[in-house]
Amino acid sequence: MNYVRCINNKGNEASLDIGSVYRGLQATAIEKESGMMRIIDNEGEDYLYPDNWFEAVSEQELVSELSEPLTIYLNRVSKIVVRDLANAKGASMSALVRGWIDERLDLPAVAGYL
């Protein structure tokens, strides 16, 4: 898995934002030869885009991107359920949600991430 920053989105403005970091998927030999890169875009789908529309993101930059705060708003019932599950595990709600995210997403192993 690799992460790249979009530097061109001509004709795909709804799918890609210039300056945003996207997850790149393993390309097949044919995709590589054709100069295309498979990217998970703003719609959450993977599509082929020209590889010269992206630049590599260093591990240091990735750590900075991942350390931005995220606020999640839950309705009252969901919040009560999450609170009760966290209390049952002896954890904070934030720790519980971070654990769920780590279990379900294929996040990169980055030194100093946590």
C-alpha atoms as a PDB file:
ATOM      1  CA  MET A   1       0.000   0.000   0.000  1.00  0.00           C
ATOM      2  CA  ASN A   2       1.258   3.466  -0.783  1.00  0.00           C
ATOM      3  CA  TYR A   3       0.003   6.965  -0.294  1.00  0.00           C
ATOM      4  CA  VAL A   4       0.250   9.733  -2.853  1.00  0.00           C
ATOM      5  CA  ARG A   5      -0.693  13.405  -3.112  1.00  0.00           C
ATOM      6  CA  CYS A   6      -2.823  14.608  -6.024  1.00  0.00           C
ATOM      7  CA  ILE A   7      -1.133  17.320  -8.107  1.00  0.00           C
ATOM      8  CA  ASN A   8      -3.528  17.288 -11.105  1.00  0.00           C
ATOM      9  CA  ASN A   9      -7.236  16.512 -11.374  1.00  0.00           C
ATOM     10  CA  LYS A  10      -8.173  17.972 -14.766  1.00  0.00           C
ATOM     11  CA  GLY A  11     -11.601  16.654 -15.705  1.00  0.00           C
ATOM     12  CA  ASN A  12     -11.921  14.717 -12.436  1.00  0.00           C
ATOM     13  CA  GLU A  13     -12.492  17.582  -9.986  1.00  0.00           C
ATOM     14  CA  ALA A  14     -15.329  15.755  -8.194  1.00  0.00           C
ATOM     15  CA  SER A  15     -13.234  12.614  -7.703  1.00  0.00           C
ATOM     16  CA  LEU A  16      -9.858  14.092  -6.761  1.00  0.00           C
ATOM     17  CA  ASP A  17      -8.800  17.174  -4.807  1.00  0.00           C
ATOM     18  CA  ILE A  18      -5.448  18.771  -5.576  1.00  0.00           C
ATOM     19  CA  GLY A  19      -3.236  18.562  -2.490  1.00  0.00           C
ATOM     20  CA  SER A  20      -5.186  15.703  -0.896  1.00  0.00           C
ATOM     21  CA  VAL A  21      -3.528  12.423   0.031  1.00  0.00           C
ATOM     22  CA  TYR A  22      -4.973   9.240  -1.479  1.00  0.00           C
ATOM     23  CA  ARG A  23      -4.330   5.553  -1.014  1.00  0.00           C
ATOM     24  CA  GLY A  24      -2.835   3.839  -4.021  1.00  0.00           C
ATOM     25  CA  LEU A  25      -3.505   0.159  -4.612  1.00  0.00           C
ATOM     26  CA  GLN A  26      -1.146  -2.410  -6.097  1.00  0.00           C
ATOM     27  CA  ALA A  27      -1.107  -1.932  -9.850  1.00  0.00           C
ATOM     28  CA  THR A  28      -1.032  -4.771 -12.326  1.00  0.00           C
ATOM     29  CA  ALA A  29       1.807  -5.017 -14.845  1.00  0.00           C
ATOM     30  CA  ILE A  30      -0.492  -3.711 -17.606  1.00  0.00           C
ATOM     31  CA  GLU A  31      -1.534  -0.710 -15.479  1.00  0.00           C
ATOM     32  CA  LYS A  32       2.100   0.124 -14.723  1.00  0.00           C
ATOM     33  CA  GLU A  33       3.086  -0.168 -18.381  1.00  0.00           C
ATOM     34  CA  SER A  34       0.235   2.129 -19.418  1.00  0.00           C
ATOM     35  CA  GLY A  35       1.316   4.815 -16.915  1.00  0.00           C
ATOM     36  CA  MET A  36      -1.814   4.472 -14.822  1.00  0.00           C
ATOM     37  CA  MET A  37      -2.226   4.239 -11.063  1.00  0.00           C
ATOM     38  CA  ARG A  38      -5.152   2.689  -9.180  1.00  0.00           C
ATOM     39  CA  ILE A  39      -6.338   5.208  -6.548  1.00  0.00           C
ATOM     40  CA  ILE A  40      -9.145   5.137  -3.997  1.00  0.00           C
ATOM     41  CA  ASP A  41     -10.755   8.479  -4.783  1.00  0.00           C
ATOM     42  CA  ASN A  42     -13.256  10.792  -3.059  1.00  0.00           C
ATOM     43  CA  GLU A  43     -16.145   8.430  -3.777  1.00  0.00           C
ATOM     44  CA  GLY A  44     -14.317   5.610  -1.993  1.00  0.00           C
ATOM     45  CA  GLU A  45     -13.959   3.655  -5.236  1.00  0.00           C
ATOM     46  CA  ASP A  46     -10.740   2.585  -6.891  1.00  0.00           C
ATOM     47  CA  TYR A  47     -10.182   3.938 -10.386  1.00  0.00           C
ATOM     48  CA  LEU A  48      -7.255   4.275 -12.731  1.00  0.00           C
ATOM     49  CA  TYR A  49      -5.709   7.717 -13.054  1.00  0.00           C
ATOM     50  CA  PRO A  50      -2.528   8.858 -14.808  1.00  0.00           C
ATOM     51  CA  ASP A  51       0.400   8.238 -12.470  1.00  0.00           C
ATOM     52  CA  ASN A  52       1.874  11.671 -13.286  1.00  0.00           C
ATOM     53  CA  TRP A  53      -1.133  13.216 -11.508  1.00  0.00           C
ATOM     54  CA  PHE A  54       0.363  12.126  -8.179  1.00  0.00           C
ATOM     55  CA  GLU A  55       3.528  12.492  -6.164  1.00  0.00           C
ATOM     56  CA  ALA A  56       4.784  10.139  -3.488  1.00  0.00           C
ATOM     57  CA  VAL A  57       4.128  11.053   0.143  1.00  0.00           C
ATOM     58  CA  SER A  58       7.051  10.466   2.490  1.00  0.00           C
ATOM     59  CA  GLU A  59       6.634   8.623   5.770  1.00  0.00           C
ATOM     60  CA  GLN A  60       7.187  11.915   7.649  1.00  0.00           C
ATOM     61  CA  GLU A  61       4.416  13.632   5.676  1.00  0.00           C
ATOM     62  CA  LEU A  62       2.131  10.655   6.197  1.00  0.00           C
ATOM     63  CA  VAL A  63       2.616  10.845   9.962  1.00  0.00           C
ATOM     64  CA  SER A  64       1.684  14.541   9.850  1.00  0.00           C
ATOM     65  CA  GLU A  65      -1.440  13.787   7.785  1.00  0.00           C
ATOM     66  CA  LEU A  66      -2.502  11.003  10.149  1.00  0.00           C
ATOM     67  CA  SER A  67      -2.051  13.054  13.296  1.00  0.00           C
ATOM     68  CA  GLU A  68      -4.758  15.588  12.435  1.00  0.00           C
ATOM     69  CA  PRO A  69      -7.722  15.434  14.842  1.00  0.00           C
ATOM     70  CA  LEU A  70     -10.996  13.928  13.699  1.00  0.00           C
ATOM     71  CA  THR A  71     -14.349  14.707  15.301  1.00  0.00           C
ATOM     72  CA  ILE A  72     -17.197  12.236  14.957  1.00  0.00           C
ATOM     73  CA  TYR A  73     -20.747  13.227  15.802  1.00  0.00           C
ATOM     74  CA  LEU A  74     -23.032  10.442  16.983  1.00  0.00           C
ATOM     75  CA  ASN A  75     -26.743  10.521  17.690  1.00  0.00           C
ATOM     76  CA  ARG A  76     -27.643  10.075  21.362  1.00  0.00           C
ATOM     77  CA  VAL A  77     -28.446   6.368  21.133  1.00  0.00           C
ATOM     78  CA  SER A  78     -25.180   5.569  19.322  1.00  0.00           C
ATOM     79  CA  LYS A  79     -23.209   7.612  21.842  1.00  0.00           C
ATOM     80  CA  ILE A  80     -24.802   5.735  24.749  1.00  0.00           C
ATOM     81  CA  VAL A  81     -23.986   2.384  23.120  1.00  0.00           C
ATOM     82  CA  VAL A  82     -20.362   3.378  22.449  1.00  0.00           C
ATOM     83  CA  ARG A  83     -20.014   4.748  25.994  1.00  0.00           C
ATOM     84  CA  ASP A  84     -21.406   1.566  27.532  1.00  0.00           C
ATOM     85  CA  LEU A  85     -19.146  -0.661  25.406  1.00  0.00           C
ATOM     86  CA  ALA A  86     -16.124   1.456  26.318  1.00  0.00           C
ATOM     87  CA  ASN A  87     -17.002   1.306  30.028  1.00  0.00           C
ATOM     88  CA  ALA A  88     -17.402  -2.477  29.827  1.00  0.00           C
ATOM     89  CA  LYS A  89     -13.898  -2.739  28.345  1.00  0.00           C
ATOM     90  CA  GLY A  90     -12.433  -0.237  30.811  1.00  0.00           C
ATOM     91  CA  ALA A  91     -11.448   2.099  27.967  1.00  0.00           C
ATOM     92  CA  SER A  92     -12.319   5.577  26.807  1.00  0.00           C
ATOM     93  CA  MET A  93     -14.741   6.042  23.938  1.00  0.00           C
ATOM     94  CA  SER A  94     -11.872   7.398  21.826  1.00  0.00           C
ATOM     95  CA  ALA A  95      -9.711   4.350  22.534  1.00  0.00           C
ATOM     96  CA  LEU A  96     -12.587   2.046  21.637  1.00  0.00           C
ATOM     97  CA  VAL A  97     -13.224   3.787  18.318  1.00  0.00           C
ATOM     98  CA  ARG A  98      -9.472   3.889  17.492  1.00  0.00           C
ATOM     99  CA  GLY A  99      -9.358   0.142  18.152  1.00  0.00           C
ATOM    100  CA  TRP A 100     -12.271  -0.454  15.785  1.00  0.00           C
ATOM    101  CA  ILE A 101     -10.584   1.619  13.098  1.00  0.00           C
ATOM    102  CA  ASP A 102      -7.291  -0.251  13.510  1.00  0.00           C
ATOM    103  CA  GLU A 103      -9.107  -3.608  13.282  1.00  0.00           C
ATOM    104  CA  ARG A 104     -11.064  -2.721  10.148  1.00  0.00           C
ATOM    105  CA  LEU A 105      -8.683  -0.609   8.080  1.00  0.00           C
ATOM    106  CA  ASP A 106      -5.421  -1.583   6.480  1.00  0.00           C
ATOM    107  CA  LEU A 107      -3.503   1.328   7.955  1.00  0.00           C
ATOM    108  CA  PRO A 108       0.191   1.737   7.221  1.00  0.00           C
ATOM    109  CA  ALA A 109       2.669   0.735   9.905  1.00  0.00           C
ATOM    110  CA  VAL A 110       4.397   4.040  10.542  1.00  0.00           C
ATOM    111  CA  ALA A 111       7.011   4.540  13.256  1.00  0.00           C
ATOM    112  CA  GLY A 112       5.725   6.892  15.937  1.00  0.00           C
ATOM    113  CA  TYR A 113       2.131   6.714  14.649  1.00  0.00           C
ATOM    114  CA  LEU A 114       0.658   6.147  18.100  1.00  0.00           C
END
